All heavy atoms as atom14 arrays in JSON, in Angstrom:
{
  "sequence": "AHYHASSEIWAYDLKARKLLFRSQGKGLSSVFVSDAETPLLYSLSLQE",
  "atom14_mask": [
    [1, 1, 1, 1, 1, 0, 0, 0, 0, 0, 0, 0, 0, 0],
    [1, 1, 1, 1, 1, 1, 1, 1, 1, 1, 0, 0, 0, 0],
    [1, 1, 1, 1, 1, 1, 1, 1, 1, 1, 1, 1, 0, 0],
    [1, 1, 1, 1, 1, 1, 1, 1, 1, 1, 0, 0, 0, 0],
    [1, 1, 1, 1, 1, 0, 0, 0, 0, 0, 0, 0, 0, 0],
    [1, 1, 1, 1, 1, 1, 0, 0, 0, 0, 0, 0, 0, 0],
    [1, 1, 1, 1, 1, 1, 0, 0, 0, 0, 0, 0, 0, 0],
    [1, 1, 1, 1, 1, 1, 1, 1, 1, 0, 0, 0, 0, 0],
    [1, 1, 1, 1, 1, 1, 1, 1, 0, 0, 0, 0, 0, 0],
    [1, 1, 1, 1, 1, 1, 1, 1, 1, 1, 1, 1, 1, 1],
    [1, 1, 1, 1, 1, 0, 0, 0, 0, 0, 0, 0, 0, 0],
    [1, 1, 1, 1, 1, 1, 1, 1, 1, 1, 1, 1, 0, 0],
    [1, 1, 1, 1, 1, 1, 1, 1, 0, 0, 0, 0, 0, 0],
    [1, 1, 1, 1, 1, 1, 1, 1, 0, 0, 0, 0, 0, 0],
    [1, 1, 1, 1, 1, 1, 1, 1, 1, 0, 0, 0, 0, 0],
    [1, 1, 1, 1, 1, 0, 0, 0, 0, 0, 0, 0, 0, 0],
    [1, 1, 1, 1, 1, 1, 1, 1, 1, 1, 1, 0, 0, 0],
    [1, 1, 1, 1, 1, 1, 1, 1, 1, 0, 0, 0, 0, 0],
    [1, 1, 1, 1, 1, 1, 1, 1, 0, 0, 0, 0, 0, 0],
    [1, 1, 1, 1, 1, 1, 1, 1, 0, 0, 0, 0, 0, 0],
    [1, 1, 1, 1, 1, 1, 1, 1, 1, 1, 1, 0, 0, 0],
    [1, 1, 1, 1, 1, 1, 1, 1, 1, 1, 1, 0, 0, 0],
    [1, 1, 1, 1, 1, 1, 0, 0, 0, 0, 0, 0, 0, 0],
    [1, 1, 1, 1, 1, 1, 1, 1, 1, 0, 0, 0, 0, 0],
    [1, 1, 1, 1, 0, 0, 0, 0, 0, 0, 0, 0, 0, 0],
    [1, 1, 1, 1, 1, 1, 1, 1, 1, 0, 0, 0, 0, 0],
    [1, 1, 1, 1, 0, 0, 0, 0, 0, 0, 0, 0, 0, 0],
    [1, 1, 1, 1, 1, 1, 1, 1, 0, 0, 0, 0, 0, 0],
    [1, 1, 1, 1, 1, 1, 0, 0, 0, 0, 0, 0, 0, 0],
    [1, 1, 1, 1, 1, 1, 0, 0, 0, 0, 0, 0, 0, 0],
    [1, 1, 1, 1, 1, 1, 1, 0, 0, 0, 0, 0, 0, 0],
    [1, 1, 1, 1, 1, 1, 1, 1, 1, 1, 1, 0, 0, 0],
    [1, 1, 1, 1, 1, 1, 1, 0, 0, 0, 0, 0, 0, 0],
    [1, 1, 1, 1, 1, 1, 0, 0, 0, 0, 0, 0, 0, 0],
    [1, 1, 1, 1, 1, 1, 1, 1, 0, 0, 0, 0, 0, 0],
    [1, 1, 1, 1, 1, 0, 0, 0, 0, 0, 0, 0, 0, 0],
    [1, 1, 1, 1, 1, 1, 1, 1, 1, 0, 0, 0, 0, 0],
    [1, 1, 1, 1, 1, 1, 1, 0, 0, 0, 0, 0, 0, 0],
    [1, 1, 1, 1, 1, 1, 1, 0, 0, 0, 0, 0, 0, 0],
    [1, 1, 1, 1, 1, 1, 1, 1, 0, 0, 0, 0, 0, 0],
    [1, 1, 1, 1, 1, 1, 1, 1, 0, 0, 0, 0, 0, 0],
    [1, 1, 1, 1, 1, 1, 1, 1, 1, 1, 1, 1, 0, 0],
    [1, 1, 1, 1, 1, 1, 0, 0, 0, 0, 0, 0, 0, 0],
    [1, 1, 1, 1, 1, 1, 1, 1, 0, 0, 0, 0, 0, 0],
    [1, 1, 1, 1, 1, 1, 0, 0, 0, 0, 0, 0, 0, 0],
    [1, 1, 1, 1, 1, 1, 1, 1, 0, 0, 0, 0, 0, 0],
    [1, 1, 1, 1, 1, 1, 1, 1, 1, 0, 0, 0, 0, 0],
    [1, 1, 1, 1, 1, 1, 1, 1, 1, 0, 0, 0, 0, 0]
  ],
  "atom14_positions": [
    [[0.83, -1.21, 0.0], [0.0, 0.0, 0.0], [0.86, 1.26, 0.0], [0.37, 2.35, 0.3], [-0.92, 0.0, 1.21], [0.0, 0.0, 0.0], [0.0, 0.0, 0.0], [0.0, 0.0, 0.0], [0.0, 0.0, 0.0], [0.0, 0.0, 0.0], [0.0, 0.0, 0.0], [0.0, 0.0, 0.0], [0.0, 0.0, 0.0], [0.0, 0.0, 0.0]],
    [[2.14, 1.13, -0.36], [3.04, 2.28, -0.27], [2.69, 3.38, -1.26], [3.12, 4.52, -1.09], [4.49, 1.82, -0.5], [4.68, 0.99, -1.73], [4.32, -0.33, -1.79], [5.16, 1.3, -2.96], [4.57, -0.82, -2.99], [5.08, 0.15, -3.72], [0.0, 0.0, 0.0], [0.0, 0.0, 0.0], [0.0, 0.0, 0.0], [0.0, 0.0, 0.0]],
    [[1.93, 3.08, -2.32], [1.52, 4.12, -3.26], [0.16, 4.71, -2.92], [-0.32, 5.61, -3.61], [1.48, 3.55, -4.69], [2.85, 3.34, -5.28], [3.27, 2.09, -5.71], [3.75, 4.4, -5.39], [4.53, 1.89, -6.24], [5.01, 4.21, -5.91], [5.41, 2.95, -6.34], [6.66, 2.77, -6.87], [0.0, 0.0, 0.0], [0.0, 0.0, 0.0]],
    [[-0.47, 4.24, -1.86], [-1.75, 4.81, -1.46], [-1.55, 6.25, -0.96], [-0.48, 6.61, -0.44], [-2.39, 3.98, -0.35], [-2.89, 2.65, -0.83], [-3.6, 1.79, -0.03], [-2.78, 2.02, -2.04], [-3.9, 0.69, -0.71], [-3.42, 0.81, -1.93], [0.0, 0.0, 0.0], [0.0, 0.0, 0.0], [0.0, 0.0, 0.0], [0.0, 0.0, 0.0]],
    [[-2.59, 7.05, -1.11], [-2.48, 8.48, -0.79], [-2.24, 8.72, 0.69], [-2.69, 7.96, 1.55], [-3.75, 9.19, -1.24], [0.0, 0.0, 0.0], [0.0, 0.0, 0.0], [0.0, 0.0, 0.0], [0.0, 0.0, 0.0], [0.0, 0.0, 0.0], [0.0, 0.0, 0.0], [0.0, 0.0, 0.0], [0.0, 0.0, 0.0], [0.0, 0.0, 0.0]],
    [[-1.55, 9.81, 0.98], [-1.26, 10.22, 2.35], [-2.22, 11.3, 2.82], [-2.9, 11.94, 2.02], [0.18, 10.73, 2.46], [1.11, 9.68, 2.3], [0.0, 0.0, 0.0], [0.0, 0.0, 0.0], [0.0, 0.0, 0.0], [0.0, 0.0, 0.0], [0.0, 0.0, 0.0], [0.0, 0.0, 0.0], [0.0, 0.0, 0.0], [0.0, 0.0, 0.0]],
    [[-2.23, 11.51, 4.14], [-3.15, 12.5, 4.72], [-2.44, 13.62, 5.48], [-3.09, 14.57, 5.92], [-4.13, 11.8, 5.68], [-3.42, 11.12, 6.7], [0.0, 0.0, 0.0], [0.0, 0.0, 0.0], [0.0, 0.0, 0.0], [0.0, 0.0, 0.0], [0.0, 0.0, 0.0], [0.0, 0.0, 0.0], [0.0, 0.0, 0.0], [0.0, 0.0, 0.0]],
    [[-1.12, 13.51, 5.64], [-0.37, 14.56, 6.33], [0.98, 14.76, 5.64], [1.48, 13.87, 4.93], [-0.13, 14.18, 7.81], [-1.39, 14.1, 8.64], [-1.09, 13.85, 10.12], [0.1, 13.87, 10.51], [-2.05, 13.64, 10.88], [0.0, 0.0, 0.0], [0.0, 0.0, 0.0], [0.0, 0.0, 0.0], [0.0, 0.0, 0.0], [0.0, 0.0, 0.0]],
    [[1.59, 15.92, 5.89], [2.96, 16.2, 5.45], [3.78, 16.52, 6.69], [3.46, 17.47, 7.43], [3.01, 17.38, 4.46], [2.15, 17.08, 3.22], [4.45, 17.67, 4.04], [2.0, 18.26, 2.27], [0.0, 0.0, 0.0], [0.0, 0.0, 0.0], [0.0, 0.0, 0.0], [0.0, 0.0, 0.0], [0.0, 0.0, 0.0], [0.0, 0.0, 0.0]],
    [[4.83, 15.71, 6.93], [5.66, 15.87, 8.12], [6.97, 16.58, 7.75], [7.59, 16.26, 6.72], [5.98, 14.51, 8.74], [4.78, 13.8, 9.3], [3.46, 14.08, 9.08], [4.8, 12.67, 10.18], [2.66, 13.2, 9.77], [3.45, 12.32, 10.45], [5.81, 11.92, 10.77], [3.1, 11.26, 11.28], [5.48, 10.86, 11.6], [4.13, 10.53, 11.85]],
    [[7.38, 17.53, 8.58], [8.64, 18.24, 8.4], [9.66, 17.67, 9.37], [9.4, 17.58, 10.58], [8.44, 19.74, 8.64], [0.0, 0.0, 0.0], [0.0, 0.0, 0.0], [0.0, 0.0, 0.0], [0.0, 0.0, 0.0], [0.0, 0.0, 0.0], [0.0, 0.0, 0.0], [0.0, 0.0, 0.0], [0.0, 0.0, 0.0], [0.0, 0.0, 0.0]],
    [[10.84, 17.3, 8.86], [11.86, 16.63, 9.66], [13.2, 17.33, 9.45], [13.64, 17.55, 8.3], [11.95, 15.16, 9.26], [12.98, 14.35, 10.01], [12.7, 13.83, 11.26], [14.24, 14.1, 9.45], [13.64, 13.08, 11.95], [15.18, 13.35, 10.13], [14.88, 12.84, 11.38], [15.81, 12.09, 12.06], [0.0, 0.0, 0.0], [0.0, 0.0, 0.0]],
    [[13.87, 17.67, 10.52], [15.18, 18.35, 10.49], [16.27, 17.3, 10.34], [16.51, 16.49, 11.25], [15.37, 19.15, 11.78], [16.6, 20.05, 11.73], [17.62, 19.66, 11.13], [16.52, 21.15, 12.3], [0.0, 0.0, 0.0], [0.0, 0.0, 0.0], [0.0, 0.0, 0.0], [0.0, 0.0, 0.0], [0.0, 0.0, 0.0], [0.0, 0.0, 0.0]],
    [[16.97, 17.32, 9.18], [17.99, 16.3, 8.91], [19.21, 16.46, 9.81], [19.89, 15.47, 10.1], [18.42, 16.37, 7.44], [17.4, 15.86, 6.42], [17.84, 16.21, 5.01], [17.2, 14.35, 6.56], [0.0, 0.0, 0.0], [0.0, 0.0, 0.0], [0.0, 0.0, 0.0], [0.0, 0.0, 0.0], [0.0, 0.0, 0.0], [0.0, 0.0, 0.0]],
    [[19.53, 17.67, 10.23], [20.7, 17.9, 11.09], [20.4, 17.54, 12.55], [21.17, 16.82, 13.2], [21.13, 19.36, 11.01], [21.65, 19.8, 9.65], [22.99, 19.19, 9.33], [23.58, 19.81, 8.07], [24.85, 19.17, 7.67], [0.0, 0.0, 0.0], [0.0, 0.0, 0.0], [0.0, 0.0, 0.0], [0.0, 0.0, 0.0], [0.0, 0.0, 0.0]],
    [[19.27, 18.02, 13.03], [18.92, 17.8, 14.43], [18.28, 16.43, 14.67], [18.09, 16.02, 15.81], [17.99, 18.9, 14.92], [0.0, 0.0, 0.0], [0.0, 0.0, 0.0], [0.0, 0.0, 0.0], [0.0, 0.0, 0.0], [0.0, 0.0, 0.0], [0.0, 0.0, 0.0], [0.0, 0.0, 0.0], [0.0, 0.0, 0.0], [0.0, 0.0, 0.0]],
    [[17.94, 15.72, 13.55], [17.24, 14.43, 13.65], [15.98, 14.57, 14.49], [15.75, 13.85, 15.46], [18.15, 13.36, 14.26], [19.47, 13.17, 13.53], [19.23, 12.55, 12.17], [20.45, 12.48, 11.4], [21.35, 11.5, 11.5], [21.13, 10.5, 12.33], [22.43, 11.51, 10.76], [0.0, 0.0, 0.0], [0.0, 0.0, 0.0], [0.0, 0.0, 0.0]],
    [[15.14, 15.51, 14.09], [13.98, 15.84, 14.91], [12.76, 16.08, 14.03], [12.84, 16.78, 13.01], [14.28, 17.11, 15.72], [13.15, 17.61, 16.59], [13.55, 18.91, 17.27], [12.4, 19.49, 18.09], [12.77, 20.79, 18.71], [0.0, 0.0, 0.0], [0.0, 0.0, 0.0], [0.0, 0.0, 0.0], [0.0, 0.0, 0.0], [0.0, 0.0, 0.0]],
    [[11.64, 15.48, 14.42], [10.36, 15.76, 13.77], [9.89, 17.13, 14.23], [9.76, 17.39, 15.43], [9.32, 14.7, 14.13], [7.91, 14.9, 13.58], [7.91, 14.89, 12.06], [6.96, 13.84, 14.12], [0.0, 0.0, 0.0], [0.0, 0.0, 0.0], [0.0, 0.0, 0.0], [0.0, 0.0, 0.0], [0.0, 0.0, 0.0], [0.0, 0.0, 0.0]],
    [[9.64, 18.04, 13.26], [9.32, 19.42, 13.59], [7.82, 19.68, 13.65], [7.32, 20.3, 14.59], [9.96, 20.36, 12.57], [11.48, 20.29, 12.45], [11.96, 21.16, 11.3], [12.14, 20.71, 13.77], [0.0, 0.0, 0.0], [0.0, 0.0, 0.0], [0.0, 0.0, 0.0], [0.0, 0.0, 0.0], [0.0, 0.0, 0.0], [0.0, 0.0, 0.0]],
    [[7.09, 19.23, 12.62], [5.68, 19.58, 12.56], [4.94, 18.6, 11.65], [5.52, 18.06, 10.71], [5.49, 21.01, 12.03], [4.18, 21.64, 12.42], [4.07, 22.34, 13.61], [3.06, 21.52, 11.61], [2.85, 22.91, 13.99], [1.85, 22.08, 11.97], [1.74, 22.79, 13.17], [0.0, 0.0, 0.0], [0.0, 0.0, 0.0], [0.0, 0.0, 0.0]],
    [[3.65, 18.39, 11.95], [2.77, 17.57, 11.12], [1.64, 18.44, 10.59], [0.84, 18.95, 11.37], [2.2, 16.4, 11.94], [3.25, 15.43, 12.42], [2.71, 14.43, 13.43], [1.61, 13.62, 12.89], [1.08, 12.58, 13.53], [1.56, 12.22, 14.73], [0.09, 11.9, 12.98], [0.0, 0.0, 0.0], [0.0, 0.0, 0.0], [0.0, 0.0, 0.0]],
    [[1.61, 18.64, 9.28], [0.57, 19.47, 8.66], [-0.45, 18.58, 7.96], [-0.12, 17.53, 7.4], [1.19, 20.42, 7.63], [2.08, 21.33, 8.25], [0.0, 0.0, 0.0], [0.0, 0.0, 0.0], [0.0, 0.0, 0.0], [0.0, 0.0, 0.0], [0.0, 0.0, 0.0], [0.0, 0.0, 0.0], [0.0, 0.0, 0.0], [0.0, 0.0, 0.0]],
    [[-1.69, 19.01, 8.0], [-2.77, 18.24, 7.39], [-2.78, 18.4, 5.87], [-2.45, 19.45, 5.34], [-4.12, 18.7, 7.94], [-4.33, 18.38, 9.41], [-4.37, 16.89, 9.69], [-5.08, 16.15, 9.0], [-3.63, 16.44, 10.67], [0.0, 0.0, 0.0], [0.0, 0.0, 0.0], [0.0, 0.0, 0.0], [0.0, 0.0, 0.0], [0.0, 0.0, 0.0]],
    [[-3.16, 17.32, 5.18], [-3.35, 17.33, 3.74], [-4.53, 16.45, 3.41], [-5.24, 15.97, 4.3], [0.0, 0.0, 0.0], [0.0, 0.0, 0.0], [0.0, 0.0, 0.0], [0.0, 0.0, 0.0], [0.0, 0.0, 0.0], [0.0, 0.0, 0.0], [0.0, 0.0, 0.0], [0.0, 0.0, 0.0], [0.0, 0.0, 0.0], [0.0, 0.0, 0.0]],
    [[-4.73, 16.19, 2.12], [-5.84, 15.34, 1.72], [-5.49, 14.63, 0.41], [-5.2, 15.27, -0.6], [-7.12, 16.16, 1.55], [-8.36, 15.31, 1.28], [-9.62, 16.18, 1.2], [-10.85, 15.32, 0.98], [-12.09, 16.14, 0.88], [0.0, 0.0, 0.0], [0.0, 0.0, 0.0], [0.0, 0.0, 0.0], [0.0, 0.0, 0.0], [0.0, 0.0, 0.0]],
    [[-5.51, 13.3, 0.45], [-5.29, 12.52, -0.75], [-3.95, 12.79, -1.41], [-3.84, 12.81, -2.64], [0.0, 0.0, 0.0], [0.0, 0.0, 0.0], [0.0, 0.0, 0.0], [0.0, 0.0, 0.0], [0.0, 0.0, 0.0], [0.0, 0.0, 0.0], [0.0, 0.0, 0.0], [0.0, 0.0, 0.0], [0.0, 0.0, 0.0], [0.0, 0.0, 0.0]],
    [[-2.89, 12.96, -0.63], [-1.59, 13.38, -1.16], [-0.9, 12.24, -1.91], [-0.7, 11.16, -1.38], [-0.69, 13.84, -0.01], [-1.26, 14.96, 0.88], [-0.49, 15.06, 2.18], [-1.23, 16.28, 0.12], [0.0, 0.0, 0.0], [0.0, 0.0, 0.0], [0.0, 0.0, 0.0], [0.0, 0.0, 0.0], [0.0, 0.0, 0.0], [0.0, 0.0, 0.0]],
    [[-0.47, 12.53, -3.15], [0.27, 11.53, -3.92], [1.71, 11.94, -4.2], [2.56, 11.08, -4.4], [-0.45, 11.24, -5.24], [-0.72, 12.43, -5.95], [0.0, 0.0, 0.0], [0.0, 0.0, 0.0], [0.0, 0.0, 0.0], [0.0, 0.0, 0.0], [0.0, 0.0, 0.0], [0.0, 0.0, 0.0], [0.0, 0.0, 0.0], [0.0, 0.0, 0.0]],
    [[2.0, 13.25, -4.21], [3.35, 13.73, -4.48], [3.55, 15.08, -3.81], [2.59, 15.85, -3.66], [3.6, 13.88, -5.98], [3.48, 12.65, -6.65], [0.0, 0.0, 0.0], [0.0, 0.0, 0.0], [0.0, 0.0, 0.0], [0.0, 0.0, 0.0], [0.0, 0.0, 0.0], [0.0, 0.0, 0.0], [0.0, 0.0, 0.0], [0.0, 0.0, 0.0]],
    [[4.82, 15.36, -3.43], [5.16, 16.66, -2.85], [6.46, 17.16, -3.47], [7.3, 16.38, -3.91], [5.31, 16.59, -1.3], [3.97, 16.35, -0.64], [6.31, 15.51, -0.89], [0.0, 0.0, 0.0], [0.0, 0.0, 0.0], [0.0, 0.0, 0.0], [0.0, 0.0, 0.0], [0.0, 0.0, 0.0], [0.0, 0.0, 0.0], [0.0, 0.0, 0.0]],
    [[6.61, 18.48, -3.5], [7.83, 19.11, -4.02], [8.01, 20.43, -3.29], [7.06, 21.21, -3.16], [7.71, 19.36, -5.52], [8.91, 20.04, -6.12], [9.98, 19.3, -6.59], [8.97, 21.43, -6.2], [11.1, 19.93, -7.13], [10.08, 22.07, -6.73], [11.14, 21.31, -7.21], [0.0, 0.0, 0.0], [0.0, 0.0, 0.0], [0.0, 0.0, 0.0]],
    [[9.24, 20.71, -2.81], [9.5, 21.95, -2.1], [10.62, 22.72, -2.8], [11.56, 22.13, -3.34], [9.87, 21.68, -0.61], [11.25, 21.04, -0.48], [9.78, 22.96, 0.22], [0.0, 0.0, 0.0], [0.0, 0.0, 0.0], [0.0, 0.0, 0.0], [0.0, 0.0, 0.0], [0.0, 0.0, 0.0], [0.0, 0.0, 0.0], [0.0, 0.0, 0.0]],
    [[10.52, 24.05, -2.78], [11.59, 24.88, -3.32], [12.75, 24.91, -2.33], [12.62, 24.5, -1.18], [11.07, 26.3, -3.57], [10.85, 26.98, -2.33], [0.0, 0.0, 0.0], [0.0, 0.0, 0.0], [0.0, 0.0, 0.0], [0.0, 0.0, 0.0], [0.0, 0.0, 0.0], [0.0, 0.0, 0.0], [0.0, 0.0, 0.0], [0.0, 0.0, 0.0]],
    [[13.89, 25.43, -2.79], [15.07, 25.5, -1.93], [15.26, 26.87, -1.29], [16.31, 27.17, -0.74], [16.33, 25.14, -2.74], [16.43, 23.65, -3.0], [15.98, 22.86, -2.15], [16.97, 23.26, -4.06], [0.0, 0.0, 0.0], [0.0, 0.0, 0.0], [0.0, 0.0, 0.0], [0.0, 0.0, 0.0], [0.0, 0.0, 0.0], [0.0, 0.0, 0.0]],
    [[14.23, 27.71, -1.32], [14.33, 29.08, -0.83], [14.36, 29.13, 0.7], [14.01, 28.17, 1.39], [13.15, 29.9, -1.35], [0.0, 0.0, 0.0], [0.0, 0.0, 0.0], [0.0, 0.0, 0.0], [0.0, 0.0, 0.0], [0.0, 0.0, 0.0], [0.0, 0.0, 0.0], [0.0, 0.0, 0.0], [0.0, 0.0, 0.0], [0.0, 0.0, 0.0]],
    [[14.76, 30.3, 1.23], [14.77, 30.51, 2.67], [13.36, 30.43, 3.25], [13.16, 29.92, 4.36], [15.39, 31.88, 2.99], [16.9, 31.95, 2.81], [17.65, 31.18, 3.87], [17.1, 30.97, 4.97], [18.8, 30.77, 3.6], [0.0, 0.0, 0.0], [0.0, 0.0, 0.0], [0.0, 0.0, 0.0], [0.0, 0.0, 0.0], [0.0, 0.0, 0.0]],
    [[12.4, 30.97, 2.53], [10.99, 30.77, 2.89], [10.42, 29.82, 1.86], [10.01, 30.22, 0.77], [10.21, 32.09, 2.88], [10.82, 33.0, 3.81], [8.76, 31.86, 3.3], [0.0, 0.0, 0.0], [0.0, 0.0, 0.0], [0.0, 0.0, 0.0], [0.0, 0.0, 0.0], [0.0, 0.0, 0.0], [0.0, 0.0, 0.0], [0.0, 0.0, 0.0]],
    [[10.39, 28.54, 2.17], [10.08, 27.53, 1.16], [8.61, 27.57, 0.72], [7.71, 27.82, 1.51], [10.39, 26.21, 1.86], [11.22, 26.56, 3.05], [10.77, 27.93, 3.45], [0.0, 0.0, 0.0], [0.0, 0.0, 0.0], [0.0, 0.0, 0.0], [0.0, 0.0, 0.0], [0.0, 0.0, 0.0], [0.0, 0.0, 0.0], [0.0, 0.0, 0.0]],
    [[8.42, 27.3, -0.56], [7.09, 27.02, -1.1], [7.0, 25.53, -1.35], [7.91, 24.93, -1.96], [6.85, 27.79, -2.41], [6.81, 29.31, -2.31], [6.63, 29.93, -3.69], [5.72, 29.78, -1.36], [0.0, 0.0, 0.0], [0.0, 0.0, 0.0], [0.0, 0.0, 0.0], [0.0, 0.0, 0.0], [0.0, 0.0, 0.0], [0.0, 0.0, 0.0]],
    [[5.94, 24.93, -0.88], [5.74, 23.49, -1.06], [4.48, 23.24, -1.87], [3.45, 23.89, -1.64], [5.65, 22.77, 0.29], [5.59, 21.24, 0.21], [6.41, 20.6, 1.32], [4.15, 20.72, 0.28], [0.0, 0.0, 0.0], [0.0, 0.0, 0.0], [0.0, 0.0, 0.0], [0.0, 0.0, 0.0], [0.0, 0.0, 0.0], [0.0, 0.0, 0.0]],
    [[4.58, 22.31, -2.8], [3.46, 21.97, -3.69], [3.1, 20.5, -3.46], [3.99, 19.65, -3.29], [3.84, 22.18, -5.15], [4.39, 23.55, -5.45], [5.75, 23.83, -5.26], [3.57, 24.57, -5.89], [6.27, 25.09, -5.51], [4.08, 25.84, -6.15], [5.44, 26.1, -5.94], [5.94, 27.34, -6.19], [0.0, 0.0, 0.0], [0.0, 0.0, 0.0]],
    [[1.81, 20.22, -3.47], [1.37, 18.84, -3.37], [0.4, 18.52, -4.5], [-0.33, 19.4, -4.98], [0.69, 18.57, -2.02], [-0.57, 19.22, -1.96], [0.0, 0.0, 0.0], [0.0, 0.0, 0.0], [0.0, 0.0, 0.0], [0.0, 0.0, 0.0], [0.0, 0.0, 0.0], [0.0, 0.0, 0.0], [0.0, 0.0, 0.0], [0.0, 0.0, 0.0]],
    [[0.41, 17.26, -4.92], [-0.54, 16.76, -5.91], [-1.43, 15.73, -5.25], [-0.99, 14.95, -4.4], [0.18, 16.11, -7.09], [0.82, 17.03, -8.13], [1.63, 16.2, -9.12], [-0.22, 17.88, -8.85], [0.0, 0.0, 0.0], [0.0, 0.0, 0.0], [0.0, 0.0, 0.0], [0.0, 0.0, 0.0], [0.0, 0.0, 0.0], [0.0, 0.0, 0.0]],
    [[-2.67, 15.7, -5.68], [-3.61, 14.68, -5.22], [-4.31, 14.08, -6.43], [-5.03, 14.78, -7.15], [-4.65, 15.28, -4.27], [-5.67, 14.32, -4.0], [0.0, 0.0, 0.0], [0.0, 0.0, 0.0], [0.0, 0.0, 0.0], [0.0, 0.0, 0.0], [0.0, 0.0, 0.0], [0.0, 0.0, 0.0], [0.0, 0.0, 0.0], [0.0, 0.0, 0.0]],
    [[-4.09, 12.78, -6.65], [-4.83, 12.09, -7.7], [-6.3, 11.99, -7.33], [-7.17, 12.09, -8.19], [-4.24, 10.7, -7.93], [-2.83, 10.64, -8.54], [-2.33, 9.21, -8.6], [-2.82, 11.26, -9.93], [0.0, 0.0, 0.0], [0.0, 0.0, 0.0], [0.0, 0.0, 0.0], [0.0, 0.0, 0.0], [0.0, 0.0, 0.0], [0.0, 0.0, 0.0]],
    [[-6.57, 11.78, -6.05], [-7.96, 11.64, -5.6], [-8.75, 12.93, -5.82], [-9.9, 12.91, -6.26], [-8.0, 11.27, -4.12], [-7.48, 9.87, -3.8], [-7.54, 9.59, -2.3], [-7.98, 10.41, -1.51], [-7.07, 8.41, -1.92], [0.0, 0.0, 0.0], [0.0, 0.0, 0.0], [0.0, 0.0, 0.0], [0.0, 0.0, 0.0], [0.0, 0.0, 0.0]],
    [[-8.14, 14.05, -5.5], [-8.83, 15.34, -5.57], [-8.62, 16.04, -6.91], [-9.22, 17.1, -7.15], [-8.34, 16.26, -4.44], [-8.49, 15.69, -3.05], [-9.93, 15.43, -2.68], [-10.78, 16.28, -3.0], [-10.21, 14.35, -2.1], [0.0, 0.0, 0.0], [0.0, 0.0, 0.0], [0.0, 0.0, 0.0], [0.0, 0.0, 0.0], [0.0, 0.0, 0.0]]
  ]
}
């Protein structure tokens, strides 16, 4: 079921090895984030 849609987007700090925040989503199939200081994140939903 690894390709089934997700319901949240989790932010994780790779340096501190720490889960930072859990944000709600709906029917998430893909995510993409920019590399900017104030990041923009995009999600796709096949369901929606």
